[in-house]
Amino acid sequence: MFRVRKIHAGPNDNDLIVNIPRNRTVAQLREYINSEWQIPPEHQKLYYQGKELVDGHKIIEYSIQRNHIIQLMVKSKNDVENDVKSCLNFESSLMKILKIPSMIRKKI
């Protein structure tokens, strides 16, 4: 058992007591948080001891102890949309870079 606490929680916000096996993944933890607090996984940033938790990793890999606290930062819809735009811009830039060698070969 460990706890999830919202960063910038209000005075009436309580910690979420999580009682799932520690061999579950961070992605499964996000789904659990969504089922309890209705915060979509893509809006969640989870931190433990200053490290951001990564979906593919298991909770046990972070050595989270009984009654320790995972911090939850809830991203706004605008933050999520900006993340998507950044990824799309990066992908577009990467595709341009990958095409450069073939463009050079065509000119030679």
C-alpha atoms as a PDB file:
ATOM      1  CA  MET A   1       0.000   0.000   0.000  1.00  0.00           C
ATOM      2  CA  PHE A   2       1.228   3.472  -0.916  1.00  0.00           C
ATOM      3  CA  ARG A   3      -0.380   6.840  -1.520  1.00  0.00           C
ATOM      4  CA  VAL A   4      -0.851   9.198  -4.441  1.00  0.00           C
ATOM      5  CA  ARG A   5      -1.032  12.900  -3.639  1.00  0.00           C
ATOM      6  CA  LYS A   6      -1.941  15.638  -6.078  1.00  0.00           C
ATOM      7  CA  ILE A   7       0.609  18.414  -6.378  1.00  0.00           C
ATOM      8  CA  HIS A   8      -1.172  21.695  -5.563  1.00  0.00           C
ATOM      9  CA  ALA A   9      -3.916  19.766  -3.772  1.00  0.00           C
ATOM     10  CA  GLY A  10      -6.625  21.814  -2.129  1.00  0.00           C
ATOM     11  CA  PRO A  11      -7.397  21.688   1.588  1.00  0.00           C
ATOM     12  CA  ASN A  12     -10.247  19.232   0.985  1.00  0.00           C
ATOM     13  CA  ASP A  13      -8.257  16.882  -1.265  1.00  0.00           C
ATOM     14  CA  ASN A  14      -7.263  13.574   0.289  1.00  0.00           C
ATOM     15  CA  ASP A  15      -4.478  11.221  -0.728  1.00  0.00           C
ATOM     16  CA  LEU A  16      -5.477   8.233  -2.812  1.00  0.00           C
ATOM     17  CA  ILE A  17      -4.591   5.039  -0.980  1.00  0.00           C
ATOM     18  CA  VAL A  18      -3.355   2.557  -3.573  1.00  0.00           C
ATOM     19  CA  ASN A  19      -3.603  -1.088  -2.712  1.00  0.00           C
ATOM     20  CA  ILE A  20      -2.488  -2.752  -5.947  1.00  0.00           C
ATOM     21  CA  PRO A  21       0.390  -5.218  -6.302  1.00  0.00           C
ATOM     22  CA  ARG A  22       3.761  -3.556  -6.792  1.00  0.00           C
ATOM     23  CA  ASN A  23       4.497  -5.799  -9.790  1.00  0.00           C
ATOM     24  CA  ARG A  24       1.943  -3.798 -11.807  1.00  0.00           C
ATOM     25  CA  THR A  25       3.160  -1.270 -14.352  1.00  0.00           C
ATOM     26  CA  VAL A  26       3.048   2.492 -14.058  1.00  0.00           C
ATOM     27  CA  ALA A  27       0.519   2.468 -16.931  1.00  0.00           C
ATOM     28  CA  GLN A  28      -1.738   0.236 -14.809  1.00  0.00           C
ATOM     29  CA  LEU A  29      -1.309   2.648 -11.893  1.00  0.00           C
ATOM     30  CA  ARG A  30      -2.413   5.497 -14.174  1.00  0.00           C
ATOM     31  CA  GLU A  31      -5.532   3.510 -15.093  1.00  0.00           C
ATOM     32  CA  TYR A  32      -6.245   2.921 -11.397  1.00  0.00           C
ATOM     33  CA  ILE A  33      -5.906   6.659 -10.701  1.00  0.00           C
ATOM     34  CA  ASN A  34      -8.253   7.348 -13.610  1.00  0.00           C
ATOM     35  CA  SER A  35     -10.843   4.927 -12.204  1.00  0.00           C
ATOM     36  CA  GLU A  36     -10.701   6.586  -8.765  1.00  0.00           C
ATOM     37  CA  TRP A  37     -10.251  10.274  -9.641  1.00  0.00           C
ATOM     38  CA  GLN A  38     -11.378  10.463 -13.310  1.00  0.00           C
ATOM     39  CA  ILE A  39      -8.058  11.934 -14.445  1.00  0.00           C
ATOM     40  CA  PRO A  40      -7.154  10.519 -17.878  1.00  0.00           C
ATOM     41  CA  PRO A  41      -3.711   8.858 -17.999  1.00  0.00           C
ATOM     42  CA  GLU A  42      -2.446  11.343 -20.606  1.00  0.00           C
ATOM     43  CA  HIS A  43      -3.120  14.156 -18.102  1.00  0.00           C
ATOM     44  CA  GLN A  44      -1.061  12.488 -15.346  1.00  0.00           C
ATOM     45  CA  LYS A  45       2.604  13.045 -14.525  1.00  0.00           C
ATOM     46  CA  LEU A  46       3.733  10.824 -11.662  1.00  0.00           C
ATOM     47  CA  TYR A  47       6.861  11.422  -9.560  1.00  0.00           C
ATOM     48  CA  TYR A  48       8.563   9.482  -6.802  1.00  0.00           C
ATOM     49  CA  GLN A  49      11.622  10.875  -5.035  1.00  0.00           C
ATOM     50  CA  GLY A  50      12.088  13.425  -7.805  1.00  0.00           C
ATOM     51  CA  LYS A  51      11.977  10.899 -10.663  1.00  0.00           C
ATOM     52  CA  GLU A  52       9.192  10.798 -13.226  1.00  0.00           C
ATOM     53  CA  LEU A  53       7.590   7.358 -13.425  1.00  0.00           C
ATOM     54  CA  VAL A  54       7.616   5.732 -16.879  1.00  0.00           C
ATOM     55  CA  ASP A  55       4.678   3.676 -18.170  1.00  0.00           C
ATOM     56  CA  GLY A  56       6.562   0.532 -19.201  1.00  0.00           C
ATOM     57  CA  HIS A  57       8.258   0.140 -15.824  1.00  0.00           C
ATOM     58  CA  LYS A  58       6.874  -1.797 -12.889  1.00  0.00           C
ATOM     59  CA  ILE A  59       6.090  -0.019  -9.643  1.00  0.00           C
ATOM     60  CA  ILE A  60       8.501  -2.302  -7.773  1.00  0.00           C
ATOM     61  CA  GLU A  61      11.403  -1.033  -9.923  1.00  0.00           C
ATOM     62  CA  TYR A  62      11.145   2.333  -8.162  1.00  0.00           C
ATOM     63  CA  SER A  63      11.513   0.766  -4.676  1.00  0.00           C
ATOM     64  CA  ILE A  64       8.320   2.426  -3.463  1.00  0.00           C
ATOM     65  CA  GLN A  65       7.833   1.483   0.173  1.00  0.00           C
ATOM     66  CA  ARG A  66       4.702   1.018   2.246  1.00  0.00           C
ATOM     67  CA  ASN A  67       2.948   4.348   2.988  1.00  0.00           C
ATOM     68  CA  HIS A  68       5.323   6.297   0.749  1.00  0.00           C
ATOM     69  CA  ILE A  69       3.833   8.999  -1.455  1.00  0.00           C
ATOM     70  CA  ILE A  70       3.815   9.287  -5.240  1.00  0.00           C
ATOM     71  CA  GLN A  71       3.169  12.829  -6.387  1.00  0.00           C
ATOM     72  CA  LEU A  72       0.655  13.457  -9.160  1.00  0.00           C
ATOM     73  CA  MET A  73       0.810  16.535 -11.331  1.00  0.00           C
ATOM     74  CA  VAL A  74      -2.345  16.961 -13.385  1.00  0.00           C
ATOM     75  CA  LYS A  75      -1.644  18.413 -16.809  1.00  0.00           C
ATOM     76  CA  SER A  76      -4.250  20.732 -18.303  1.00  0.00           C
ATOM     77  CA  LYS A  77      -5.883  19.979 -21.642  1.00  0.00           C
ATOM     78  CA  ASN A  78      -3.763  22.758 -23.191  1.00  0.00           C
ATOM     79  CA  ASP A  79      -0.575  21.133 -21.865  1.00  0.00           C
ATOM     80  CA  VAL A  80      -1.570  17.806 -23.435  1.00  0.00           C
ATOM     81  CA  GLU A  81      -2.388  19.478 -26.762  1.00  0.00           C
ATOM     82  CA  ASN A  82       0.968  21.299 -26.702  1.00  0.00           C
ATOM     83  CA  ASP A  83       2.748  17.982 -26.029  1.00  0.00           C
ATOM     84  CA  VAL A  84       1.040  16.450 -29.069  1.00  0.00           C
ATOM     85  CA  LYS A  85       1.967  19.445 -31.239  1.00  0.00           C
ATOM     86  CA  SER A  86       5.585  19.252 -30.066  1.00  0.00           C
ATOM     87  CA  CYS A  87       5.736  15.558 -30.953  1.00  0.00           C
ATOM     88  CA  LEU A  88       4.260  16.215 -34.388  1.00  0.00           C
ATOM     89  CA  ASN A  89       6.725  19.071 -35.007  1.00  0.00           C
ATOM     90  CA  PHE A  90       9.628  16.859 -33.910  1.00  0.00           C
ATOM     91  CA  GLU A  91       8.450  14.057 -36.191  1.00  0.00           C
ATOM     92  CA  SER A  92       8.140  16.463 -39.119  1.00  0.00           C
ATOM     93  CA  SER A  93      11.642  17.852 -38.485  1.00  0.00           C
ATOM     94  CA  LEU A  94      13.076  14.361 -38.170  1.00  0.00           C
ATOM     95  CA  MET A  95      11.520  13.310 -41.472  1.00  0.00           C
ATOM     96  CA  LYS A  96      13.084  16.345 -43.181  1.00  0.00           C
ATOM     97  CA  ILE A  97      16.497  15.476 -41.736  1.00  0.00           C
ATOM     98  CA  LEU A  98      16.204  11.869 -42.879  1.00  0.00           C
ATOM     99  CA  LYS A  99      15.368  12.992 -46.434  1.00  0.00           C
ATOM    100  CA  ILE A 100      18.462  15.226 -46.728  1.00  0.00           C
ATOM    101  CA  PRO A 101      20.927  12.438 -47.714  1.00  0.00           C
ATOM    102  CA  SER A 102      18.631  11.214 -50.496  1.00  0.00           C
ATOM    103  CA  MET A 103      18.216  14.790 -51.752  1.00  0.00           C
ATOM    104  CA  ILE A 104      22.013  15.214 -51.828  1.00  0.00           C
ATOM    105  CA  ARG A 105      22.456  11.956 -53.756  1.00  0.00           C
ATOM    106  CA  LYS A 106      19.916  13.078 -56.371  1.00  0.00           C
ATOM    107  CA  LYS A 107      21.879  16.284 -57.013  1.00  0.00           C
ATOM    108  CA  ILE A 108      25.177  14.417 -57.522  1.00  0.00           C
END
